[in-house]
Amino acid sequence: MNMLKSLALVAVLVFPGAVLAEEAKPPAPDEWFESLITETPADGFALAIRLARRSVTTIQTDREVLHALRPIYANDSAQLIAASQVAAAYFDIVAQANNYWRDAE
């Protein structure tokens, strides 16, 4: 059963468009990210984390379920590694958008 939960979490994090709940709504325009452009790699990483977190809360709209699952994945290194891979994928996208930090010399 634990493996099934792990796979479900990875599926939600890696393939968010494939598992959107019917009631899930896109964020309001004032809540959306205006740009992937950031000043520094650190800012880019923070944006990547925000994107990853936003995808989870957009997919899992039931806050009680979201918070009930937290202790499960918080203590499972495989699930934490999977979540880190999602953040890394978002960071790669942000880094590309910033030409791997535009002014790097």
Protein backbone atom coordinates (compact mmCIF):
# COMPACT_ATOMS: atom_id res chain seq x y z
CA MET A 1 0.00 0.00 0.00
CA ASN A 2 2.86 2.41 0.79
CA MET A 3 4.27 1.87 -2.73
CA LEU A 4 0.87 2.69 -4.21
CA LYS A 5 0.73 5.97 -2.26
CA SER A 6 4.26 6.78 -3.40
CA LEU A 7 3.38 6.17 -7.02
CA ALA A 8 0.24 8.27 -6.69
CA LEU A 9 2.22 11.17 -5.22
CA VAL A 10 4.84 10.94 -7.94
CA ALA A 11 2.11 10.84 -10.60
CA VAL A 12 0.48 13.94 -9.15
CA LEU A 13 3.78 15.80 -8.94
CA VAL A 14 5.22 14.73 -12.28
CA PHE A 15 2.09 14.63 -14.44
CA PRO A 16 -0.14 17.33 -12.98
CA GLY A 17 -2.22 17.85 -16.12
CA ALA A 18 -3.11 14.18 -16.29
CA VAL A 19 -4.70 14.00 -12.85
CA LEU A 20 -6.45 17.32 -12.34
CA ALA A 21 -9.61 16.93 -10.33
CA GLU A 22 -12.78 18.11 -12.02
CA GLU A 23 -13.30 20.82 -9.42
CA ALA A 24 -9.71 22.07 -9.70
CA LYS A 25 -9.64 25.57 -11.07
CA PRO A 26 -6.66 27.46 -12.41
CA PRO A 27 -5.36 30.16 -10.08
CA ALA A 28 -6.92 33.58 -10.32
CA PRO A 29 -4.92 36.00 -12.50
CA ASP A 30 -3.71 37.93 -9.45
CA GLU A 31 -2.35 34.69 -7.94
CA TRP A 32 -0.45 33.54 -11.03
CA PHE A 33 3.25 33.92 -11.73
CA GLU A 34 3.91 36.81 -14.06
CA SER A 35 7.29 35.66 -15.31
CA LEU A 36 9.91 32.96 -15.03
CA ILE A 37 12.62 35.63 -15.14
CA THR A 38 14.46 36.07 -11.85
CA GLU A 39 17.46 38.09 -10.73
CA THR A 40 19.54 35.26 -9.30
CA PRO A 41 19.74 31.46 -9.31
CA ALA A 42 18.59 31.50 -5.67
CA ASP A 43 15.48 33.46 -6.67
CA GLY A 44 14.99 30.99 -9.52
CA PHE A 45 15.14 28.06 -7.12
CA ALA A 46 12.61 29.74 -4.82
CA LEU A 47 10.32 30.20 -7.84
CA ALA A 48 10.76 26.52 -8.78
CA ILE A 49 9.69 25.49 -5.28
CA ARG A 50 6.65 27.78 -5.50
CA LEU A 51 5.72 26.24 -8.85
CA ALA A 52 6.02 22.71 -7.47
CA ARG A 53 3.96 23.57 -4.39
CA ARG A 54 1.33 25.36 -6.48
CA SER A 55 0.94 22.34 -8.74
CA VAL A 56 0.22 20.11 -5.74
CA THR A 57 -2.33 22.49 -4.19
CA THR A 58 -3.99 23.01 -7.57
CA ILE A 59 -4.34 19.26 -8.07
CA GLN A 60 -5.31 18.36 -4.49
CA THR A 61 -7.99 20.91 -3.70
CA ASP A 62 -9.11 19.21 -0.48
CA ARG A 63 -6.96 20.84 2.20
CA GLU A 64 -7.81 18.14 4.77
CA VAL A 65 -6.52 15.41 2.46
CA LEU A 66 -3.48 17.48 1.56
CA HIS A 67 -2.54 17.95 5.21
CA ALA A 68 -3.42 14.36 6.15
CA LEU A 69 -0.94 13.05 3.56
CA ARG A 70 1.90 15.28 4.72
CA PRO A 71 3.07 13.02 7.60
CA ILE A 72 3.18 10.08 5.19
CA TYR A 73 5.49 11.65 2.62
CA ALA A 74 7.42 13.71 5.15
CA ASN A 75 8.87 10.51 6.62
CA ASP A 76 9.43 8.61 3.38
CA SER A 77 12.79 9.29 1.76
CA ALA A 78 11.68 7.89 -1.62
CA GLN A 79 8.75 10.30 -1.75
CA LEU A 80 10.94 13.22 -0.68
CA ILE A 81 13.44 12.35 -3.40
CA ALA A 82 10.60 12.20 -5.95
CA ALA A 83 9.39 15.63 -4.82
CA SER A 84 12.95 16.96 -5.11
CA GLN A 85 13.09 15.68 -8.67
CA VAL A 86 9.95 17.67 -9.49
CA ALA A 87 11.49 20.81 -7.98
CA ALA A 88 14.67 20.16 -9.99
CA ALA A 89 12.62 19.87 -13.20
CA TYR A 90 10.94 23.22 -12.48
CA PHE A 91 14.33 24.75 -11.64
CA ASP A 92 15.67 23.55 -15.00
CA ILE A 93 12.78 25.31 -16.75
CA VAL A 94 13.37 28.53 -14.80
CA ALA A 95 17.14 28.35 -15.46
CA GLN A 96 16.54 27.94 -19.19
CA ALA A 97 14.16 30.90 -19.17
CA ASN A 98 16.93 32.93 -17.54
CA ASN A 99 19.55 31.70 -20.02
CA TYR A 100 21.26 30.04 -17.06
CA TRP A 101 21.44 33.49 -15.51
CA ARG A 102 21.61 36.07 -18.16
CA ASP A 103 24.49 38.14 -16.88
CA ALA A 104 26.76 35.26 -15.88
CA GLU A 105 30.29 36.01 -16.91
